[in-house]
Amino acid sequence: MSNVNIRRVKTTDLDLKDRLVSIQRVTKVTKGGRTFSFSAIVVVGNEDGIVGYGLGKANEVTTAIAKGVEDAKKNLIKVPVYKGTIPHEQVAKYGGAKVFLKPASSGTGVKAGGAMRAVLESVGVHDVLAKSKGSSNPHNLVKATFNALMLMRDAFTIAQQRNVSMEKVFNG
């Protein structure tokens, strides 16, 4: 995917809101007993086309979330949002998780489950139909949703790739 590097965004001067997707307690058994730690997957976005996700691990919940937010700010991408929805249908997968995203008319809302909902709301999509198939693991669902969003292309991008002027696109 050559256009993935083009979509990377720097965190300078962005008003990012973070959403906690899931937090899990992890147990490590040693000869001294059990050691508990926490892993948190966090999505950050400015609700205007920029979104990122991160994973934080620590011995305390608040520290794990803070680490997840910092990691998410390092992995920001730009997603085309057209009139509050996505430009076209898209299918993507990561591991055992498969996601299907479909644009919806205005007023539909975000019809998506847990992990996908957090990502789509952070991007700034207001109307979308989404379905997850296969694994419901939140880590893989977030990554599959990101793969789908990275594959999104708007009319301007396609016109540039085809060497067509935008006047021809709109005027026929």
N, C-alpha and C. Protein backbone atom coordinates (compact mmCIF):
# COMPACT_ATOMS: atom_id res chain seq x y z
N MET A 1 0.84 -1.19 0.00
CA MET A 1 0.00 0.00 0.00
C MET A 1 0.88 1.24 0.00
N SER A 2 1.06 1.80 -1.16
CA SER A 2 1.95 2.95 -1.28
C SER A 2 1.32 4.23 -0.74
N ASN A 3 -0.02 4.34 -0.81
CA ASN A 3 -0.65 5.58 -0.37
C ASN A 3 -0.83 5.67 1.14
N VAL A 4 -0.42 4.64 1.89
CA VAL A 4 -0.55 4.67 3.35
C VAL A 4 0.39 5.70 3.94
N ASN A 5 1.62 5.79 3.43
CA ASN A 5 2.59 6.75 3.96
C ASN A 5 2.14 8.19 3.70
N ILE A 6 1.41 8.41 2.62
CA ILE A 6 0.94 9.75 2.29
C ILE A 6 -0.09 10.22 3.32
N ARG A 7 -0.85 9.32 3.87
CA ARG A 7 -1.94 9.68 4.77
C ARG A 7 -1.49 9.89 6.21
N ARG A 8 -0.26 9.62 6.56
CA ARG A 8 0.22 9.83 7.92
C ARG A 8 0.12 11.30 8.29
N VAL A 9 -0.22 11.58 9.54
CA VAL A 9 -0.44 12.95 9.98
C VAL A 9 0.40 13.19 11.23
N LYS A 10 0.96 14.39 11.34
CA LYS A 10 1.68 14.78 12.55
C LYS A 10 0.69 15.31 13.58
N THR A 11 1.04 15.21 14.86
CA THR A 11 0.11 15.59 15.93
C THR A 11 0.09 17.08 16.26
N THR A 12 0.84 17.88 15.53
CA THR A 12 0.94 19.29 15.87
C THR A 12 -0.41 20.00 15.73
N ASP A 13 -0.79 20.72 16.76
CA ASP A 13 -1.97 21.59 16.77
C ASP A 13 -3.27 20.88 16.41
N LEU A 14 -3.45 19.66 16.89
CA LEU A 14 -4.71 18.95 16.66
C LEU A 14 -5.43 18.79 17.99
N ASP A 15 -6.74 19.02 17.97
CA ASP A 15 -7.55 18.83 19.16
C ASP A 15 -8.09 17.40 19.14
N LEU A 16 -7.34 16.48 19.74
CA LEU A 16 -7.68 15.06 19.69
C LEU A 16 -8.47 14.63 20.92
N LYS A 17 -9.53 13.85 20.68
CA LYS A 17 -10.31 13.27 21.77
C LYS A 17 -10.04 11.78 21.81
N ASP A 18 -9.84 11.26 23.02
CA ASP A 18 -9.52 9.83 23.12
C ASP A 18 -10.73 9.04 23.61
N ARG A 19 -10.85 7.82 23.10
CA ARG A 19 -11.92 6.90 23.50
C ARG A 19 -11.28 5.57 23.87
N LEU A 20 -11.68 5.06 25.01
CA LEU A 20 -11.19 3.76 25.47
C LEU A 20 -12.04 2.68 24.81
N VAL A 21 -11.40 1.81 24.03
CA VAL A 21 -12.12 0.73 23.34
C VAL A 21 -12.26 -0.46 24.27
N SER A 22 -11.16 -0.91 24.84
CA SER A 22 -11.25 -2.03 25.78
C SER A 22 -10.07 -2.00 26.73
N ILE A 23 -10.30 -2.57 27.88
CA ILE A 23 -9.23 -2.72 28.87
C ILE A 23 -9.29 -4.15 29.39
N GLN A 24 -8.13 -4.78 29.48
CA GLN A 24 -8.11 -6.18 29.90
C GLN A 24 -7.07 -6.39 30.98
N ARG A 25 -7.44 -7.21 31.96
CA ARG A 25 -6.50 -7.56 33.01
C ARG A 25 -5.73 -8.80 32.56
N VAL A 26 -4.42 -8.70 32.63
CA VAL A 26 -3.55 -9.80 32.21
C VAL A 26 -2.87 -10.36 33.45
N THR A 27 -2.85 -11.69 33.57
CA THR A 27 -2.26 -12.35 34.73
C THR A 27 -1.00 -13.10 34.32
N LYS A 28 0.07 -12.85 35.04
CA LYS A 28 1.32 -13.58 34.81
C LYS A 28 1.59 -14.39 36.07
N VAL A 29 1.72 -15.70 35.93
CA VAL A 29 1.94 -16.57 37.08
C VAL A 29 3.43 -16.84 37.21
N THR A 30 3.97 -16.51 38.37
CA THR A 30 5.38 -16.79 38.66
C THR A 30 5.43 -17.65 39.91
N LYS A 31 6.64 -18.05 40.31
CA LYS A 31 6.73 -18.90 41.50
C LYS A 31 6.36 -18.13 42.77
N GLY A 32 6.39 -16.80 42.70
CA GLY A 32 6.00 -15.99 43.85
C GLY A 32 4.50 -15.74 43.91
N GLY A 33 3.76 -16.17 42.91
CA GLY A 33 2.31 -15.93 42.87
C GLY A 33 1.89 -15.30 41.56
N ARG A 34 0.75 -14.68 41.58
CA ARG A 34 0.22 -14.05 40.37
C ARG A 34 0.54 -12.56 40.34
N THR A 35 0.92 -12.07 39.15
CA THR A 35 1.17 -10.66 38.95
C THR A 35 0.13 -10.14 37.96
N PHE A 36 -0.61 -9.11 38.34
CA PHE A 36 -1.64 -8.56 37.48
C PHE A 36 -1.14 -7.30 36.79
N SER A 37 -1.44 -7.18 35.51
CA SER A 37 -1.17 -5.94 34.77
C SER A 37 -2.37 -5.69 33.86
N PHE A 38 -2.38 -4.53 33.20
CA PHE A 38 -3.53 -4.15 32.38
C PHE A 38 -3.07 -3.73 31.00
N SER A 39 -3.85 -4.09 29.99
CA SER A 39 -3.61 -3.61 28.64
C SER A 39 -4.85 -2.86 28.19
N ALA A 40 -4.63 -1.71 27.57
CA ALA A 40 -5.74 -0.86 27.13
C ALA A 40 -5.55 -0.50 25.67
N ILE A 41 -6.60 -0.65 24.88
CA ILE A 41 -6.56 -0.19 23.49
C ILE A 41 -7.39 1.08 23.41
N VAL A 42 -6.78 2.14 22.85
CA VAL A 42 -7.36 3.48 22.85
C VAL A 42 -7.38 4.01 21.43
N VAL A 43 -8.45 4.72 21.08
CA VAL A 43 -8.57 5.38 19.77
C VAL A 43 -8.63 6.88 20.02
N VAL A 44 -7.83 7.65 19.26
CA VAL A 44 -7.90 9.11 19.35
C VAL A 44 -8.26 9.66 17.98
N GLY A 45 -8.98 10.77 17.97
CA GLY A 45 -9.35 11.40 16.70
C GLY A 45 -9.85 12.81 16.92
N ASN A 46 -9.84 13.60 15.84
CA ASN A 46 -10.32 14.97 15.95
C ASN A 46 -11.74 15.11 15.41
N GLU A 47 -12.39 13.99 15.07
CA GLU A 47 -13.75 13.96 14.54
C GLU A 47 -13.88 14.78 13.27
N ASP A 48 -12.79 14.88 12.51
CA ASP A 48 -12.79 15.59 11.23
C ASP A 48 -11.86 14.90 10.24
N GLY A 49 -11.81 13.58 10.29
CA GLY A 49 -11.03 12.84 9.30
C GLY A 49 -9.68 12.33 9.76
N ILE A 50 -9.27 12.64 10.98
CA ILE A 50 -7.97 12.18 11.47
C ILE A 50 -8.20 11.26 12.65
N VAL A 51 -7.55 10.08 12.62
CA VAL A 51 -7.77 9.08 13.67
C VAL A 51 -6.50 8.25 13.83
N GLY A 52 -6.33 7.70 15.04
CA GLY A 52 -5.21 6.81 15.33
C GLY A 52 -5.57 5.90 16.49
N TYR A 53 -4.88 4.77 16.58
CA TYR A 53 -5.12 3.84 17.69
C TYR A 53 -3.79 3.46 18.32
N GLY A 54 -3.86 3.05 19.60
CA GLY A 54 -2.66 2.66 20.30
C GLY A 54 -2.95 1.67 21.40
N LEU A 55 -1.94 0.93 21.77
CA LEU A 55 -2.03 -0.08 22.82
C LEU A 55 -1.09 0.32 23.96
N GLY A 56 -1.62 0.34 25.18
CA GLY A 56 -0.80 0.66 26.35
C GLY A 56 -0.87 -0.47 27.35
N LYS A 57 0.28 -0.80 27.93
CA LYS A 57 0.33 -1.85 28.95
C LYS A 57 1.05 -1.31 30.18
N ALA A 58 0.46 -1.56 31.35
CA ALA A 58 1.07 -1.09 32.60
C ALA A 58 0.46 -1.85 33.77
N ASN A 59 1.02 -1.61 34.97
CA ASN A 59 0.51 -2.26 36.18
C ASN A 59 -0.73 -1.59 36.74
N GLU A 60 -1.03 -0.37 36.27
CA GLU A 60 -2.22 0.34 36.71
C GLU A 60 -3.06 0.74 35.50
N VAL A 61 -4.36 0.83 35.69
CA VAL A 61 -5.28 1.12 34.59
C VAL A 61 -5.00 2.50 34.00
N THR A 62 -4.89 3.52 34.84
CA THR A 62 -4.71 4.88 34.35
C THR A 62 -3.41 5.04 33.56
N THR A 63 -2.36 4.37 34.01
CA THR A 63 -1.08 4.43 33.30
C THR A 63 -1.18 3.73 31.95
N ALA A 64 -1.89 2.60 31.91
CA ALA A 64 -2.06 1.86 30.66
C ALA A 64 -2.83 2.71 29.64
N ILE A 65 -3.87 3.42 30.11
CA ILE A 65 -4.65 4.27 29.21
C ILE A 65 -3.79 5.43 28.70
N ALA A 66 -3.01 6.04 29.59
CA ALA A 66 -2.14 7.16 29.19
C ALA A 66 -1.12 6.70 28.15
N LYS A 67 -0.55 5.51 28.35
CA LYS A 67 0.41 4.98 27.37
C LYS A 67 -0.27 4.69 26.04
N GLY A 68 -1.51 4.20 26.09
CA GLY A 68 -2.27 3.94 24.87
C GLY A 68 -2.54 5.21 24.09
N VAL A 69 -2.87 6.29 24.79
CA VAL A 69 -3.13 7.58 24.14
C VAL A 69 -1.86 8.08 23.47
N GLU A 70 -0.73 7.99 24.15
CA GLU A 70 0.54 8.43 23.57
C GLU A 70 0.90 7.62 22.33
N ASP A 71 0.67 6.31 22.38
CA ASP A 71 0.94 5.44 21.23
C ASP A 71 0.00 5.77 20.07
N ALA A 72 -1.26 6.09 20.38
CA ALA A 72 -2.23 6.41 19.34
C ALA A 72 -1.86 7.70 18.62
N LYS A 73 -1.32 8.66 19.34
CA LYS A 73 -0.93 9.94 18.73
C LYS A 73 0.23 9.77 17.75
N LYS A 74 0.97 8.69 17.87
CA LYS A 74 2.09 8.42 16.95
C LYS A 74 1.63 7.74 15.67
N ASN A 75 0.40 7.22 15.65
CA ASN A 75 -0.09 6.45 14.51
C ASN A 75 -1.33 7.08 13.88
N LEU A 76 -1.30 8.38 13.63
CA LEU A 76 -2.47 9.06 13.08
C LEU A 76 -2.51 8.94 11.56
N ILE A 77 -3.73 8.77 11.02
CA ILE A 77 -3.93 8.73 9.58
C ILE A 77 -5.07 9.67 9.19
N LYS A 78 -5.09 10.08 7.93
CA LYS A 78 -6.15 10.94 7.39
C LYS A 78 -7.10 10.07 6.59
N VAL A 79 -8.41 10.22 6.87
CA VAL A 79 -9.44 9.41 6.22
C VAL A 79 -10.39 10.35 5.48
N PRO A 80 -10.74 10.03 4.22
CA PRO A 80 -11.70 10.89 3.51
C PRO A 80 -13.11 10.70 4.06
N VAL A 81 -13.71 11.80 4.50
CA VAL A 81 -15.10 11.78 4.98
C VAL A 81 -15.89 12.69 4.04
N TYR A 82 -16.95 12.15 3.45
CA TYR A 82 -17.73 12.88 2.45
C TYR A 82 -19.16 13.05 2.94
N LYS A 83 -19.56 14.28 3.23
CA LYS A 83 -20.92 14.60 3.72
C LYS A 83 -21.30 13.77 4.94
N GLY A 84 -20.39 13.60 5.88
CA GLY A 84 -20.68 12.90 7.12
C GLY A 84 -20.67 11.39 7.01
N THR A 85 -20.31 10.84 5.85
CA THR A 85 -20.24 9.39 5.70
C THR A 85 -18.96 9.04 4.93
N ILE A 86 -18.79 7.77 4.64
CA ILE A 86 -17.60 7.31 3.92
C ILE A 86 -17.88 7.38 2.41
N PRO A 87 -16.86 7.48 1.57
CA PRO A 87 -17.09 7.66 0.14
C PRO A 87 -17.65 6.43 -0.59
N HIS A 88 -17.34 5.23 -0.11
CA HIS A 88 -17.78 4.02 -0.82
C HIS A 88 -17.75 2.82 0.12
N GLU A 89 -18.31 1.70 -0.33
CA GLU A 89 -18.28 0.46 0.46
C GLU A 89 -16.85 -0.05 0.54
N GLN A 90 -16.55 -0.73 1.64
CA GLN A 90 -15.21 -1.29 1.80
C GLN A 90 -15.25 -2.52 2.69
N VAL A 91 -14.49 -3.53 2.32
CA VAL A 91 -14.33 -4.74 3.11
C VAL A 91 -12.85 -4.86 3.46
N ALA A 92 -12.56 -5.24 4.70
CA ALA A 92 -11.16 -5.42 5.10
C ALA A 92 -11.11 -6.46 6.20
N LYS A 93 -9.91 -6.99 6.43
CA LYS A 93 -9.77 -7.96 7.51
C LYS A 93 -8.41 -7.80 8.17
N TYR A 94 -8.35 -8.29 9.38
CA TYR A 94 -7.09 -8.36 10.12
C TYR A 94 -7.22 -9.57 11.02
N GLY A 95 -6.34 -10.53 10.86
CA GLY A 95 -6.43 -11.75 11.65
C GLY A 95 -7.75 -12.44 11.35
N GLY A 96 -8.50 -12.78 12.38
CA GLY A 96 -9.79 -13.44 12.20
C GLY A 96 -10.95 -12.47 12.10
N ALA A 97 -10.69 -11.17 12.22
CA ALA A 97 -11.77 -10.18 12.19
C ALA A 97 -11.95 -9.65 10.78
N LYS A 98 -13.20 -9.65 10.31
CA LYS A 98 -13.54 -9.08 9.00
C LYS A 98 -14.57 -7.99 9.23
N VAL A 99 -14.41 -6.87 8.54
CA VAL A 99 -15.34 -5.76 8.68
C VAL A 99 -15.87 -5.35 7.32
N PHE A 100 -17.11 -4.87 7.32
CA PHE A 100 -17.77 -4.38 6.12
C PHE A 100 -18.34 -3.01 6.45
N LEU A 101 -17.94 -2.00 5.69
CA LEU A 101 -18.41 -0.63 5.89
C LEU A 101 -19.18 -0.18 4.66
N LYS A 102 -20.32 0.47 4.88
CA LYS A 102 -21.17 0.92 3.78
C LYS A 102 -21.66 2.32 4.07
N PRO A 103 -21.58 3.24 3.10
CA PRO A 103 -22.09 4.59 3.33
C PRO A 103 -23.59 4.58 3.56
N ALA A 104 -24.07 5.53 4.34
CA ALA A 104 -25.50 5.61 4.65
C ALA A 104 -25.98 7.04 4.42
N SER A 105 -27.29 7.18 4.21
CA SER A 105 -27.86 8.49 3.97
C SER A 105 -27.87 9.31 5.27
N SER A 106 -28.01 10.60 5.12
CA SER A 106 -27.99 11.50 6.27
C SER A 106 -29.11 11.17 7.24
N GLY A 107 -28.80 11.14 8.53
CA GLY A 107 -29.77 10.85 9.57
C GLY A 107 -29.79 9.40 10.02
N THR A 108 -29.02 8.55 9.36
CA THR A 108 -28.99 7.13 9.71
C THR A 108 -28.29 6.88 11.04
N GLY A 109 -27.19 7.58 11.27
CA GLY A 109 -26.39 7.38 12.48
C GLY A 109 -25.31 6.34 12.26
N VAL A 110 -24.55 6.06 13.29
CA VAL A 110 -23.48 5.07 13.22
C VAL A 110 -24.05 3.73 13.66
N LYS A 111 -24.32 2.86 12.70
CA LYS A 111 -24.83 1.53 12.99
C LYS A 111 -23.64 0.58 13.00
N ALA A 112 -22.98 0.51 14.15
CA ALA A 112 -21.79 -0.32 14.27
C ALA A 112 -21.66 -0.79 15.71
N GLY A 113 -20.98 -1.89 15.89
CA GLY A 113 -20.77 -2.44 17.22
C GLY A 113 -19.53 -1.86 17.87
N GLY A 114 -19.43 -2.04 19.17
CA GLY A 114 -18.40 -1.57 20.08
C GLY A 114 -17.12 -0.99 19.53
N ALA A 115 -16.17 -1.85 19.15
CA ALA A 115 -14.84 -1.38 18.76
C ALA A 115 -14.91 -0.58 17.47
N MET A 116 -15.73 -1.01 16.54
CA MET A 116 -15.86 -0.28 15.27
C MET A 116 -16.50 1.08 15.49
N ARG A 117 -17.48 1.15 16.37
CA ARG A 117 -18.17 2.40 16.67
C ARG A 117 -17.20 3.45 17.18
N ALA A 118 -16.30 3.06 18.09
CA ALA A 118 -15.33 4.01 18.65
C ALA A 118 -14.44 4.59 17.55
N VAL A 119 -13.98 3.75 16.64
CA VAL A 119 -13.11 4.21 15.55
C VAL A 119 -13.88 5.15 14.62
N LEU A 120 -15.08 4.75 14.22
CA LEU A 120 -15.84 5.55 13.26
C LEU A 120 -16.28 6.89 13.84
N GLU A 121 -16.64 6.92 15.12
CA GLU A 121 -17.01 8.18 15.75
C GLU A 121 -15.80 9.09 15.91
N SER A 122 -14.63 8.52 16.19
CA SER A 122 -13.42 9.33 16.32
C SER A 122 -13.00 9.93 14.99
N VAL A 123 -13.29 9.24 13.89
CA VAL A 123 -12.98 9.77 12.56
C VAL A 123 -13.87 10.95 12.23
N GLY A 124 -15.12 10.92 12.70
CA GLY A 124 -16.05 11.99 12.40
C GLY A 124 -17.14 11.54 11.44
N VAL A 125 -17.28 10.24 11.26
CA VAL A 125 -18.35 9.71 10.41
C VAL A 125 -19.63 9.71 11.24
N HIS A 126 -20.70 10.32 10.70
CA HIS A 126 -21.97 10.41 11.42
C HIS A 126 -23.00 9.42 10.92
N ASP A 127 -22.86 8.99 9.65
CA ASP A 127 -23.83 8.07 9.05
C ASP A 127 -23.08 6.94 8.34
N VAL A 128 -23.19 5.73 8.87
CA VAL A 128 -22.52 4.59 8.25
C VAL A 128 -23.19 3.31 8.73
N LEU A 129 -23.19 2.31 7.85
CA LEU A 129 -23.64 0.98 8.22
C LEU A 129 -22.40 0.10 8.28
N ALA A 130 -22.22 -0.63 9.37
CA ALA A 130 -21.02 -1.43 9.53
C ALA A 130 -21.38 -2.79 10.10
N LYS A 131 -20.65 -3.80 9.66
CA LYS A 131 -20.88 -5.16 10.15
C LYS A 131 -19.53 -5.81 10.39
N SER A 132 -19.40 -6.46 11.54
CA SER A 132 -18.18 -7.22 11.79
C SER A 132 -18.52 -8.70 11.70
N LYS A 133 -17.68 -9.42 11.01
CA LYS A 133 -17.86 -10.85 10.83
C LYS A 133 -16.61 -11.55 11.34
N GLY A 134 -16.77 -12.75 11.82
CA GLY A 134 -15.61 -13.48 12.32
C GLY A 134 -15.35 -13.13 13.76
N SER A 135 -14.09 -12.91 14.08
CA SER A 135 -13.66 -12.67 15.45
C SER A 135 -14.22 -11.36 16.00
N SER A 136 -14.57 -11.37 17.28
CA SER A 136 -15.04 -10.14 17.93
C SER A 136 -13.96 -9.56 18.85
N ASN A 137 -12.73 -10.04 18.71
CA ASN A 137 -11.60 -9.55 19.48
C ASN A 137 -11.41 -8.05 19.19
N PRO A 138 -11.51 -7.18 20.22
CA PRO A 138 -11.45 -5.74 19.96
C PRO A 138 -10.15 -5.28 19.32
N HIS A 139 -9.03 -5.92 19.65
CA HIS A 139 -7.74 -5.53 19.05
C HIS A 139 -7.79 -5.73 17.53
N ASN A 140 -8.24 -6.91 17.11
CA ASN A 140 -8.28 -7.21 15.69
C ASN A 140 -9.38 -6.42 14.98
N LEU A 141 -10.49 -6.15 15.66
CA LEU A 141 -11.56 -5.35 15.05
C LEU A 141 -11.10 -3.92 14.78
N VAL A 142 -10.39 -3.33 15.72
CA VAL A 142 -9.88 -1.97 15.52
C VAL A 142 -8.90 -1.95 14.35
N LYS A 143 -8.01 -2.92 14.30
CA LYS A 143 -7.02 -2.96 13.21
C LYS A 143 -7.68 -3.22 11.86
N ALA A 144 -8.70 -4.09 11.82
CA ALA A 144 -9.41 -4.34 10.57
C ALA A 144 -10.16 -3.09 10.12
N THR A 145 -10.77 -2.37 11.06
CA THR A 145 -11.47 -1.13 10.72
C THR A 145 -10.48 -0.09 10.18
N PHE A 146 -9.30 -0.02 10.77
CA PHE A 146 -8.27 0.90 10.27
C PHE A 146 -7.83 0.51 8.87
N ASN A 147 -7.68 -0.80 8.61
CA ASN A 147 -7.32 -1.25 7.26
C ASN A 147 -8.38 -0.81 6.25
N ALA A 148 -9.66 -0.94 6.62
CA ALA A 148 -10.74 -0.52 5.73
C ALA A 148 -10.69 0.99 5.49
N LEU A 149 -10.45 1.76 6.54
CA LEU A 149 -10.40 3.21 6.39
C LEU A 149 -9.19 3.66 5.57
N MET A 150 -8.08 2.93 5.68
CA MET A 150 -6.90 3.28 4.89
C MET A 150 -7.10 3.00 3.41
N LEU A 151 -7.98 2.07 3.09
CA LEU A 151 -8.26 1.74 1.69
C LEU A 151 -9.26 2.69 1.05
N MET A 152 -9.89 3.57 1.85
CA MET A 152 -10.87 4.52 1.33
C MET A 152 -10.18 5.53 0.42
N ARG A 153 -10.85 5.83 -0.71
CA ARG A 153 -10.34 6.84 -1.64
C ARG A 153 -11.48 7.76 -2.03
N ASP A 154 -11.20 9.06 -2.10
CA ASP A 154 -12.23 10.00 -2.52
C ASP A 154 -12.07 10.29 -4.01
N ALA A 155 -13.01 11.04 -4.58
CA ALA A 155 -13.02 11.32 -6.01
C ALA A 155 -11.77 12.06 -6.45
N PHE A 156 -11.26 12.95 -5.62
CA PHE A 156 -10.07 13.74 -5.97
C PHE A 156 -8.85 12.83 -6.13
N THR A 157 -8.69 11.87 -5.22
CA THR A 157 -7.55 10.95 -5.27
C THR A 157 -7.61 10.09 -6.53
N ILE A 158 -8.78 9.57 -6.85
CA ILE A 158 -8.93 8.72 -8.03
C ILE A 158 -8.68 9.52 -9.29
N ALA A 159 -9.16 10.76 -9.34
CA ALA A 159 -8.94 11.62 -10.50
C ALA A 159 -7.45 11.89 -10.70
N GLN A 160 -6.72 12.11 -9.61
CA GLN A 160 -5.28 12.34 -9.72
C GLN A 160 -4.57 11.10 -10.24
N GLN A 161 -4.97 9.93 -9.76
CA GLN A 161 -4.34 8.69 -10.21
C GLN A 161 -4.61 8.42 -11.68
N ARG A 162 -5.78 8.86 -12.17
CA ARG A 162 -6.13 8.64 -13.57
C ARG A 162 -5.71 9.79 -14.47
N ASN A 163 -5.07 10.81 -13.89
CA ASN A 163 -4.64 12.01 -14.62
C ASN A 163 -5.82 12.70 -15.30
N VAL A 164 -6.90 12.86 -14.58
CA VAL A 164 -8.10 13.52 -15.08
C VAL A 164 -8.27 14.81 -14.30
N SER A 165 -8.60 15.89 -14.99
CA SER A 165 -8.82 17.16 -14.28
C SER A 165 -10.17 17.10 -13.58
N MET A 166 -10.29 17.79 -12.47
CA MET A 166 -11.52 17.77 -11.68
C MET A 166 -12.68 18.45 -12.42
N GLU A 167 -12.37 19.31 -13.41
CA GLU A 167 -13.44 19.91 -14.20
C GLU A 167 -14.20 18.84 -14.98
N LYS A 168 -13.46 17.86 -15.51
CA LYS A 168 -14.10 16.77 -16.26
C LYS A 168 -14.95 15.91 -15.34
N VAL A 169 -14.50 15.74 -14.09
CA VAL A 169 -15.24 14.90 -13.14
C VAL A 169 -16.60 15.51 -12.85
N PHE A 170 -16.64 16.83 -12.61
CA PHE A 170 -17.88 17.47 -12.21
C PHE A 170 -18.74 17.90 -13.40
N ASN A 171 -18.12 18.21 -14.53
CA ASN A 171 -18.88 18.68 -15.69
C ASN A 171 -19.23 17.58 -16.67
N GLY A 172 -18.67 16.39 -16.50
CA GLY A 172 -18.99 15.26 -17.37
C GLY A 172 -18.09 15.24 -18.49
